[in-house]
Amino acid sequence: MEKELNCEIVKDLLPLYVDGMVSEISKKSIEGHLKNCTNCREIHRNMTVEIEGKSQSDIKDVKRFLKKTKLMYFLYGLGGLSLIAVIVCLIVDLAVNKGITWSLIVGGSVVYSDAILYSVMVCKKNKGYITMSVISIGVACLLSIIQFTRYYLMHTGTLWIFRYGYPIMLLWLAIVWIPILCRHFFKWNIWDCIAVFLLLVMLGNYGTKLITGDYEWNQDLWSLHKFLDNGLGQVIGVILFGIIGRVRKWRK
């Protein structure tokens, strides 16, 4: 007749039993004891739940590690390809033009694109704000590179960046940032933000024309016709999204 195990022995054997490292005879003895002993059965259940929880945590850690590894290799690969592209453009530029000209613009564009992609893929918190900040700073840098390259290295074009480039850039960056900041600080819904954005776009179009000197208002029917052609769609969009925003807010 098989000798029944006492609780102390079963408690000592339970870790091995859960891991499946006991013999068949010991396994049967432990299972027989668990059927009749409520205390050991509860210990076994808690031990099983704890091990399963650790297993799930280990699986999540492995998945997280693999995800980070894939992202790291992707970014390294992208950076390597970008570096090769920039070097090739630089070599061709030096061979053809005997100096650095258009390759500087290409290099700046590649770095700008990589910076945006990196911020989108790597940033976890405040991804939208960080990405928009990268875009804003990158636009200013890229405009400066284009102006410097064309005017000082290629000796073509005019010095337009202070008269047109930066003012228009700041105007449109403000148009993009104002709805984002309104949503962040004032908790506006997305529909109100879209309405404000469309209104600012309409104003931005005329602001751009004022900066470049292309805007004329003769106070006649023809000027009104041009306004309707250029701004009627934005006006309808502002009204439509503004109404949707009010309705959504009232429902809440």
C-alpha atoms as a PDB file:
ATOM      1  CA  MET A   1       0.000   0.000   0.000  1.00  0.00           C
ATOM      2  CA  GLU A   2       1.329   3.409  -1.006  1.00  0.00           C
ATOM      3  CA  LYS A   3       2.359   5.571   1.959  1.00  0.00           C
ATOM      4  CA  GLU A   4       0.544   8.915   2.114  1.00  0.00           C
ATOM      5  CA  LEU A   5       2.731  12.015   2.178  1.00  0.00           C
ATOM      6  CA  ASN A   6       2.386  14.543   4.967  1.00  0.00           C
ATOM      7  CA  CYS A   7       1.877  18.275   4.362  1.00  0.00           C
ATOM      8  CA  GLU A   8       5.474  19.337   5.069  1.00  0.00           C
ATOM      9  CA  ILE A   9       6.876  16.964   2.476  1.00  0.00           C
ATOM     10  CA  VAL A  10       4.254  18.016  -0.079  1.00  0.00           C
ATOM     11  CA  LYS A  11       5.059  21.693   0.491  1.00  0.00           C
ATOM     12  CA  ASP A  12       8.726  20.959  -0.140  1.00  0.00           C
ATOM     13  CA  LEU A  13       7.908  19.026  -3.315  1.00  0.00           C
ATOM     14  CA  LEU A  14       5.318  21.448  -4.741  1.00  0.00           C
ATOM     15  CA  PRO A  15       7.849  23.707  -6.588  1.00  0.00           C
ATOM     16  CA  LEU A  16       9.300  20.633  -8.315  1.00  0.00           C
ATOM     17  CA  TYR A  17       5.803  19.311  -8.997  1.00  0.00           C
ATOM     18  CA  VAL A  18       4.686  22.574 -10.606  1.00  0.00           C
ATOM     19  CA  ASP A  19       7.811  22.590 -12.793  1.00  0.00           C
ATOM     20  CA  GLY A  20       7.157  18.972 -13.790  1.00  0.00           C
ATOM     21  CA  MET A  21      10.407  17.695 -12.300  1.00  0.00           C
ATOM     22  CA  VAL A  22       9.141  14.871 -10.073  1.00  0.00           C
ATOM     23  CA  SER A  23       8.844  11.171 -10.850  1.00  0.00           C
ATOM     24  CA  GLU A  24       5.544   9.555 -11.748  1.00  0.00           C
ATOM     25  CA  ILE A  25       5.281   7.874  -8.334  1.00  0.00           C
ATOM     26  CA  SER A  26       5.871  11.181  -6.497  1.00  0.00           C
ATOM     27  CA  LYS A  27       3.456  12.933  -8.862  1.00  0.00           C
ATOM     28  CA  LYS A  28       0.662  10.476  -8.087  1.00  0.00           C
ATOM     29  CA  SER A  29       1.344  10.729  -4.356  1.00  0.00           C
ATOM     30  CA  ILE A  30       1.255  14.538  -4.448  1.00  0.00           C
ATOM     31  CA  GLU A  31      -1.935  14.601  -6.532  1.00  0.00           C
ATOM     32  CA  GLY A  32      -3.562  12.159  -4.113  1.00  0.00           C
ATOM     33  CA  HIS A  33      -2.609  14.383  -1.204  1.00  0.00           C
ATOM     34  CA  LEU A  34      -3.908  17.510  -2.948  1.00  0.00           C
ATOM     35  CA  LYS A  35      -7.313  15.898  -3.424  1.00  0.00           C
ATOM     36  CA  ASN A  36      -7.729  15.470   0.326  1.00  0.00           C
ATOM     37  CA  CYS A  37      -5.818  18.476   1.709  1.00  0.00           C
ATOM     38  CA  THR A  38      -7.424  21.888   1.291  1.00  0.00           C
ATOM     39  CA  ASN A  39      -4.426  23.791   2.667  1.00  0.00           C
ATOM     40  CA  CYS A  40      -1.890  22.242   0.281  1.00  0.00           C
ATOM     41  CA  ARG A  41      -4.320  22.583  -2.607  1.00  0.00           C
ATOM     42  CA  GLU A  42      -4.604  26.328  -1.917  1.00  0.00           C
ATOM     43  CA  ILE A  43      -0.811  26.640  -1.753  1.00  0.00           C
ATOM     44  CA  HIS A  44      -0.549  24.781  -5.044  1.00  0.00           C
ATOM     45  CA  ARG A  45      -3.133  27.048  -6.681  1.00  0.00           C
ATOM     46  CA  ASN A  46      -1.375  30.230  -5.513  1.00  0.00           C
ATOM     47  CA  MET A  47       1.962  28.884  -6.684  1.00  0.00           C
ATOM     48  CA  THR A  48       0.544  28.045 -10.103  1.00  0.00           C
ATOM     49  CA  VAL A  49      -1.024  31.487 -10.503  1.00  0.00           C
ATOM     50  CA  GLU A  50       2.230  33.177  -9.462  1.00  0.00           C
ATOM     51  CA  ILE A  51       4.283  31.141 -11.932  1.00  0.00           C
ATOM     52  CA  GLU A  52       1.797  31.805 -14.741  1.00  0.00           C
ATOM     53  CA  GLY A  53       1.925  35.510 -13.947  1.00  0.00           C
ATOM     54  CA  LYS A  54       5.720  35.459 -14.104  1.00  0.00           C
ATOM     55  CA  SER A  55       5.556  33.557 -17.384  1.00  0.00           C
ATOM     56  CA  GLN A  56       3.222  36.147 -18.899  1.00  0.00           C
ATOM     57  CA  SER A  57       5.490  38.924 -17.648  1.00  0.00           C
ATOM     58  CA  ASP A  58       8.520  37.193 -19.163  1.00  0.00           C
ATOM     59  CA  ILE A  59       6.694  36.832 -22.482  1.00  0.00           C
ATOM     60  CA  LYS A  60       5.819  40.539 -22.483  1.00  0.00           C
ATOM     61  CA  ASP A  61       9.431  41.427 -21.676  1.00  0.00           C
ATOM     62  CA  VAL A  62      10.655  39.276 -24.567  1.00  0.00           C
ATOM     63  CA  LYS A  63       8.133  40.821 -26.970  1.00  0.00           C
ATOM     64  CA  ARG A  64       9.112  44.302 -25.822  1.00  0.00           C
ATOM     65  CA  PHE A  65      12.786  43.488 -26.294  1.00  0.00           C
ATOM     66  CA  LEU A  66      12.178  42.084 -29.793  1.00  0.00           C
ATOM     67  CA  LYS A  67      10.146  45.156 -30.730  1.00  0.00           C
ATOM     68  CA  LYS A  68      12.905  47.490 -29.553  1.00  0.00           C
ATOM     69  CA  THR A  69      15.509  45.403 -31.369  1.00  0.00           C
ATOM     70  CA  LYS A  70      13.552  45.520 -34.644  1.00  0.00           C
ATOM     71  CA  LEU A  71      13.100  49.269 -34.277  1.00  0.00           C
ATOM     72  CA  MET A  72      16.800  49.721 -33.528  1.00  0.00           C
ATOM     73  CA  TYR A  73      17.870  47.732 -36.598  1.00  0.00           C
ATOM     74  CA  PHE A  74      15.350  49.610 -38.764  1.00  0.00           C
ATOM     75  CA  LEU A  75      16.622  53.001 -37.610  1.00  0.00           C
ATOM     76  CA  TYR A  76      20.247  51.934 -37.998  1.00  0.00           C
ATOM     77  CA  GLY A  77      19.490  50.635 -41.478  1.00  0.00           C
ATOM     78  CA  LEU A  78      17.657  53.800 -42.426  1.00  0.00           C
ATOM     79  CA  GLY A  79      20.497  55.927 -41.088  1.00  0.00           C
ATOM     80  CA  GLY A  80      23.027  53.878 -43.023  1.00  0.00           C
ATOM     81  CA  LEU A  81      21.090  54.163 -46.283  1.00  0.00           C
ATOM     82  CA  SER A  82      20.634  57.895 -45.748  1.00  0.00           C
ATOM     83  CA  LEU A  83      24.355  58.329 -45.127  1.00  0.00           C
ATOM     84  CA  ILE A  84      25.181  56.398 -48.291  1.00  0.00           C
ATOM     85  CA  ALA A  85      22.722  58.523 -50.302  1.00  0.00           C
ATOM     86  CA  VAL A  86      24.244  61.750 -48.976  1.00  0.00           C
ATOM     87  CA  ILE A  87      27.804  60.571 -49.702  1.00  0.00           C
ATOM     88  CA  VAL A  88      26.881  59.531 -53.255  1.00  0.00           C
ATOM     89  CA  CYS A  89      25.227  62.908 -53.914  1.00  0.00           C
ATOM     90  CA  LEU A  90      28.263  64.699 -52.484  1.00  0.00           C
ATOM     91  CA  ILE A  91      30.688  62.728 -54.698  1.00  0.00           C
ATOM     92  CA  VAL A  92      28.597  63.389 -57.817  1.00  0.00           C
ATOM     93  CA  ASP A  93      28.285  67.072 -56.935  1.00  0.00           C
ATOM     94  CA  LEU A  94      32.043  67.421 -56.410  1.00  0.00           C
ATOM     95  CA  ALA A  95      32.773  65.584 -59.667  1.00  0.00           C
ATOM     96  CA  VAL A  96      30.335  67.573 -61.800  1.00  0.00           C
ATOM     97  CA  ASN A  97      30.315  71.044 -60.214  1.00  0.00           C
ATOM     98  CA  LYS A  98      33.779  71.001 -58.622  1.00  0.00           C
ATOM     99  CA  GLY A  99      32.243  71.983 -55.286  1.00  0.00           C
ATOM    100  CA  ILE A 100      29.373  71.522 -52.866  1.00  0.00           C
ATOM    101  CA  THR A 101      26.136  72.906 -54.304  1.00  0.00           C
ATOM    102  CA  TRP A 102      22.841  71.015 -54.660  1.00  0.00           C
ATOM    103  CA  SER A 103      24.150  68.078 -52.602  1.00  0.00           C
ATOM    104  CA  LEU A 104      23.933  70.271 -49.487  1.00  0.00           C
ATOM    105  CA  ILE A 105      20.190  70.723 -50.071  1.00  0.00           C
ATOM    106  CA  VAL A 106      19.750  66.990 -50.642  1.00  0.00           C
ATOM    107  CA  GLY A 107      21.680  66.177 -47.461  1.00  0.00           C
ATOM    108  CA  GLY A 108      19.619  68.630 -45.440  1.00  0.00           C
ATOM    109  CA  SER A 109      16.388  67.164 -46.821  1.00  0.00           C
ATOM    110  CA  VAL A 110      17.470  63.621 -45.961  1.00  0.00           C
ATOM    111  CA  VAL A 111      18.435  64.568 -42.399  1.00  0.00           C
ATOM    112  CA  TYR A 112      15.150  66.447 -42.011  1.00  0.00           C
ATOM    113  CA  SER A 113      13.104  63.451 -43.166  1.00  0.00           C
ATOM    114  CA  ASP A 114      15.035  61.072 -40.913  1.00  0.00           C
ATOM    115  CA  ALA A 115      14.540  63.364 -37.901  1.00  0.00           C
ATOM    116  CA  ILE A 116      10.767  63.427 -38.434  1.00  0.00           C
ATOM    117  CA  LEU A 117      10.598  59.652 -38.851  1.00  0.00           C
ATOM    118  CA  TYR A 118      12.780  59.104 -35.786  1.00  0.00           C
ATOM    119  CA  SER A 119      10.560  61.311 -33.597  1.00  0.00           C
ATOM    120  CA  VAL A 120       7.424  59.528 -34.832  1.00  0.00           C
ATOM    121  CA  MET A 121       8.773  56.039 -34.209  1.00  0.00           C
ATOM    122  CA  VAL A 122      10.771  56.544 -31.001  1.00  0.00           C
ATOM    123  CA  CYS A 123       8.842  59.094 -28.930  1.00  0.00           C
ATOM    124  CA  LYS A 124       6.160  57.597 -26.694  1.00  0.00           C
ATOM    125  CA  LYS A 125       4.985  60.578 -24.644  1.00  0.00           C
ATOM    126  CA  ASN A 126       3.879  63.819 -26.311  1.00  0.00           C
ATOM    127  CA  LYS A 127       4.690  62.361 -29.706  1.00  0.00           C
ATOM    128  CA  GLY A 128       2.561  64.916 -31.574  1.00  0.00           C
ATOM    129  CA  TYR A 129       4.156  67.936 -29.914  1.00  0.00           C
ATOM    130  CA  ILE A 130       7.685  66.622 -30.295  1.00  0.00           C
ATOM    131  CA  THR A 131       7.105  65.756 -33.959  1.00  0.00           C
ATOM    132  CA  MET A 132       5.618  69.186 -34.654  1.00  0.00           C
ATOM    133  CA  SER A 133       8.585  70.818 -32.909  1.00  0.00           C
ATOM    134  CA  VAL A 134      10.989  68.816 -35.075  1.00  0.00           C
ATOM    135  CA  ILE A 135       9.038  69.809 -38.187  1.00  0.00           C
ATOM    136  CA  SER A 136       9.033  73.488 -37.186  1.00  0.00           C
ATOM    137  CA  ILE A 137      12.748  73.646 -36.421  1.00  0.00           C
ATOM    138  CA  GLY A 138      13.572  71.524 -39.474  1.00  0.00           C
ATOM    139  CA  VAL A 139      11.670  73.818 -41.838  1.00  0.00           C
ATOM    140  CA  ALA A 140      13.657  76.833 -40.624  1.00  0.00           C
ATOM    141  CA  CYS A 141      16.946  74.949 -41.014  1.00  0.00           C
ATOM    142  CA  LEU A 142      16.047  73.627 -44.466  1.00  0.00           C
ATOM    143  CA  LEU A 143      15.010  77.077 -45.732  1.00  0.00           C
ATOM    144  CA  SER A 144      18.311  78.466 -44.474  1.00  0.00           C
ATOM    145  CA  ILE A 145      20.252  75.714 -46.254  1.00  0.00           C
ATOM    146  CA  ILE A 146      18.380  76.330 -49.527  1.00  0.00           C
ATOM    147  CA  GLN A 147      18.986  80.090 -49.337  1.00  0.00           C
ATOM    148  CA  PHE A 148      22.669  79.700 -48.441  1.00  0.00           C
ATOM    149  CA  THR A 149      23.283  77.106 -51.146  1.00  0.00           C
ATOM    150  CA  ARG A 150      21.542  78.926 -53.990  1.00  0.00           C
ATOM    151  CA  TYR A 151      22.733  82.443 -53.174  1.00  0.00           C
ATOM    152  CA  TYR A 152      26.235  81.937 -51.789  1.00  0.00           C
ATOM    153  CA  LEU A 153      27.368  78.627 -53.337  1.00  0.00           C
ATOM    154  CA  MET A 154      25.487  78.456 -56.641  1.00  0.00           C
ATOM    155  CA  HIS A 155      25.237  82.252 -57.087  1.00  0.00           C
ATOM    156  CA  THR A 156      21.675  82.061 -58.360  1.00  0.00           C
ATOM    157  CA  GLY A 157      18.486  83.731 -57.167  1.00  0.00           C
ATOM    158  CA  THR A 158      18.096  86.544 -54.671  1.00  0.00           C
ATOM    159  CA  LEU A 159      18.335  86.936 -50.905  1.00  0.00           C
ATOM    160  CA  TRP A 160      14.659  86.186 -50.319  1.00  0.00           C
ATOM    161  CA  ILE A 161      14.718  84.369 -46.983  1.00  0.00           C
ATOM    162  CA  PHE A 162      14.373  87.414 -44.702  1.00  0.00           C
ATOM    163  CA  ARG A 163      11.808  89.182 -46.857  1.00  0.00           C
ATOM    164  CA  TYR A 164       9.648  86.193 -47.832  1.00  0.00           C
ATOM    165  CA  GLY A 165      10.970  82.904 -46.444  1.00  0.00           C
ATOM    166  CA  TYR A 166      10.954  83.394 -42.675  1.00  0.00           C
ATOM    167  CA  PRO A 167       7.794  85.575 -42.504  1.00  0.00           C
ATOM    168  CA  ILE A 168       5.737  83.092 -44.556  1.00  0.00           C
ATOM    169  CA  MET A 169       7.199  80.161 -42.607  1.00  0.00           C
ATOM    170  CA  LEU A 170       6.326  81.746 -39.241  1.00  0.00           C
ATOM    171  CA  LEU A 171       2.830  82.612 -40.491  1.00  0.00           C
ATOM    172  CA  TRP A 172       2.023  79.039 -41.509  1.00  0.00           C
ATOM    173  CA  LEU A 173       3.663  77.486 -38.482  1.00  0.00           C
ATOM    174  CA  ALA A 174       1.421  79.688 -36.346  1.00  0.00           C
ATOM    175  CA  ILE A 175      -1.590  78.513 -38.359  1.00  0.00           C
ATOM    176  CA  VAL A 176      -0.712  74.891 -37.583  1.00  0.00           C
ATOM    177  CA  TRP A 177       0.298  75.434 -33.947  1.00  0.00           C
ATOM    178  CA  ILE A 178      -2.654  77.575 -32.794  1.00  0.00           C
ATOM    179  CA  PRO A 179      -5.299  74.772 -33.115  1.00  0.00           C
ATOM    180  CA  ILE A 180      -2.912  72.290 -31.478  1.00  0.00           C
ATOM    181  CA  LEU A 181      -2.280  74.597 -28.524  1.00  0.00           C
ATOM    182  CA  CYS A 182      -6.003  75.396 -28.215  1.00  0.00           C
ATOM    183  CA  ARG A 183      -6.774  71.685 -27.994  1.00  0.00           C
ATOM    184  CA  HIS A 184      -4.024  71.156 -25.420  1.00  0.00           C
ATOM    185  CA  PHE A 185      -4.589  74.128 -23.109  1.00  0.00           C
ATOM    186  CA  PHE A 186      -8.304  74.840 -23.570  1.00  0.00           C
ATOM    187  CA  LYS A 187      -9.418  71.230 -24.206  1.00  0.00           C
ATOM    188  CA  TRP A 188     -11.222  72.106 -27.431  1.00  0.00           C
ATOM    189  CA  ASN A 189     -12.769  69.229 -29.347  1.00  0.00           C
ATOM    190  CA  ILE A 190     -11.284  68.226 -32.681  1.00  0.00           C
ATOM    191  CA  TRP A 191     -14.137  69.812 -34.670  1.00  0.00           C
ATOM    192  CA  ASP A 192     -13.568  73.250 -33.173  1.00  0.00           C
ATOM    193  CA  CYS A 193      -9.852  72.898 -33.864  1.00  0.00           C
ATOM    194  CA  ILE A 194     -10.540  72.052 -37.517  1.00  0.00           C
ATOM    195  CA  ALA A 195     -12.871  75.058 -37.802  1.00  0.00           C
ATOM    196  CA  VAL A 196     -10.204  77.364 -36.357  1.00  0.00           C
ATOM    197  CA  PHE A 197      -7.579  75.809 -38.640  1.00  0.00           C
ATOM    198  CA  LEU A 198      -9.691  76.447 -41.763  1.00  0.00           C
ATOM    199  CA  LEU A 199     -10.308  80.026 -40.674  1.00  0.00           C
ATOM    200  CA  LEU A 200      -6.579  80.540 -40.139  1.00  0.00           C
ATOM    201  CA  VAL A 201      -5.830  78.944 -43.527  1.00  0.00           C
ATOM    202  CA  MET A 202      -8.104  81.472 -45.197  1.00  0.00           C
ATOM    203  CA  LEU A 203      -6.363  84.310 -43.382  1.00  0.00           C
ATOM    204  CA  GLY A 204      -2.980  82.736 -44.116  1.00  0.00           C
ATOM    205  CA  ASN A 205      -3.618  82.720 -47.856  1.00  0.00           C
ATOM    206  CA  TYR A 206      -4.226  86.459 -47.831  1.00  0.00           C
ATOM    207  CA  GLY A 207      -1.371  87.015 -45.395  1.00  0.00           C
ATOM    208  CA  THR A 208       0.978  85.201 -47.775  1.00  0.00           C
ATOM    209  CA  LYS A 209      -0.204  87.386 -50.664  1.00  0.00           C
ATOM    210  CA  LEU A 210       0.375  90.500 -48.568  1.00  0.00           C
ATOM    211  CA  ILE A 211       3.925  89.395 -47.749  1.00  0.00           C
ATOM    212  CA  THR A 212       4.731  88.635 -51.389  1.00  0.00           C
ATOM    213  CA  GLY A 213       2.925  91.754 -52.658  1.00  0.00           C
ATOM    214  CA  ASP A 214       0.404  89.812 -54.757  1.00  0.00           C
ATOM    215  CA  TYR A 215      -2.719  90.910 -52.873  1.00  0.00           C
ATOM    216  CA  GLU A 216      -4.913  93.656 -54.315  1.00  0.00           C
ATOM    217  CA  TRP A 217      -8.359  94.786 -53.166  1.00  0.00           C
ATOM    218  CA  ASN A 218     -10.069  97.216 -55.486  1.00  0.00           C
ATOM    219  CA  GLN A 219     -13.433  97.261 -53.690  1.00  0.00           C
ATOM    220  CA  ASP A 220     -15.321  96.140 -56.753  1.00  0.00           C
ATOM    221  CA  LEU A 221     -17.412  93.141 -57.732  1.00  0.00           C
ATOM    222  CA  TRP A 222     -14.446  91.443 -59.371  1.00  0.00           C
ATOM    223  CA  SER A 223     -12.482  91.492 -56.110  1.00  0.00           C
ATOM    224  CA  LEU A 224     -15.528  90.076 -54.311  1.00  0.00           C
ATOM    225  CA  HIS A 225     -15.773  87.347 -56.950  1.00  0.00           C
ATOM    226  CA  LYS A 226     -12.113  86.413 -56.398  1.00  0.00           C
ATOM    227  CA  PHE A 227     -12.693  86.329 -52.635  1.00  0.00           C
ATOM    228  CA  LEU A 228     -15.629  83.940 -53.058  1.00  0.00           C
ATOM    229  CA  ASP A 229     -13.570  81.721 -55.370  1.00  0.00           C
ATOM    230  CA  ASN A 230     -10.623  81.578 -52.984  1.00  0.00           C
ATOM    231  CA  GLY A 231     -12.263  81.668 -49.561  1.00  0.00           C
ATOM    232  CA  LEU A 232     -15.815  80.369 -49.915  1.00  0.00           C
ATOM    233  CA  GLY A 233     -14.795  76.740 -49.304  1.00  0.00           C
ATOM    234  CA  GLN A 234     -12.978  77.649 -46.081  1.00  0.00           C
ATOM    235  CA  VAL A 235     -15.931  79.757 -44.886  1.00  0.00           C
ATOM    236  CA  ILE A 236     -18.342  76.858 -45.444  1.00  0.00           C
ATOM    237  CA  GLY A 237     -15.911  74.492 -43.686  1.00  0.00           C
ATOM    238  CA  VAL A 238     -15.568  76.850 -40.691  1.00  0.00           C
ATOM    239  CA  ILE A 239     -19.358  77.080 -40.316  1.00  0.00           C
ATOM    240  CA  LEU A 240     -19.901  73.338 -40.804  1.00  0.00           C
ATOM    241  CA  PHE A 241     -17.217  72.146 -38.389  1.00  0.00           C
ATOM    242  CA  GLY A 242     -18.147  74.876 -35.905  1.00  0.00           C
ATOM    243  CA  ILE A 243     -21.732  73.604 -35.844  1.00  0.00           C
ATOM    244  CA  ILE A 244     -20.562  70.000 -35.430  1.00  0.00           C
ATOM    245  CA  GLY A 245     -18.308  71.085 -32.571  1.00  0.00           C
ATOM    246  CA  ARG A 246     -21.165  72.863 -30.799  1.00  0.00           C
ATOM    247  CA  VAL A 247     -23.483  69.875 -31.216  1.00  0.00           C
ATOM    248  CA  ARG A 248     -20.878  67.454 -29.854  1.00  0.00           C
ATOM    249  CA  LYS A 249     -20.203  69.740 -26.900  1.00  0.00           C
ATOM    250  CA  TRP A 250     -23.919  70.087 -26.086  1.00  0.00           C
ATOM    251  CA  ARG A 251     -24.388  66.320 -26.191  1.00  0.00           C
ATOM    252  CA  LYS A 252     -21.690  65.877 -23.579  1.00  0.00           C
END
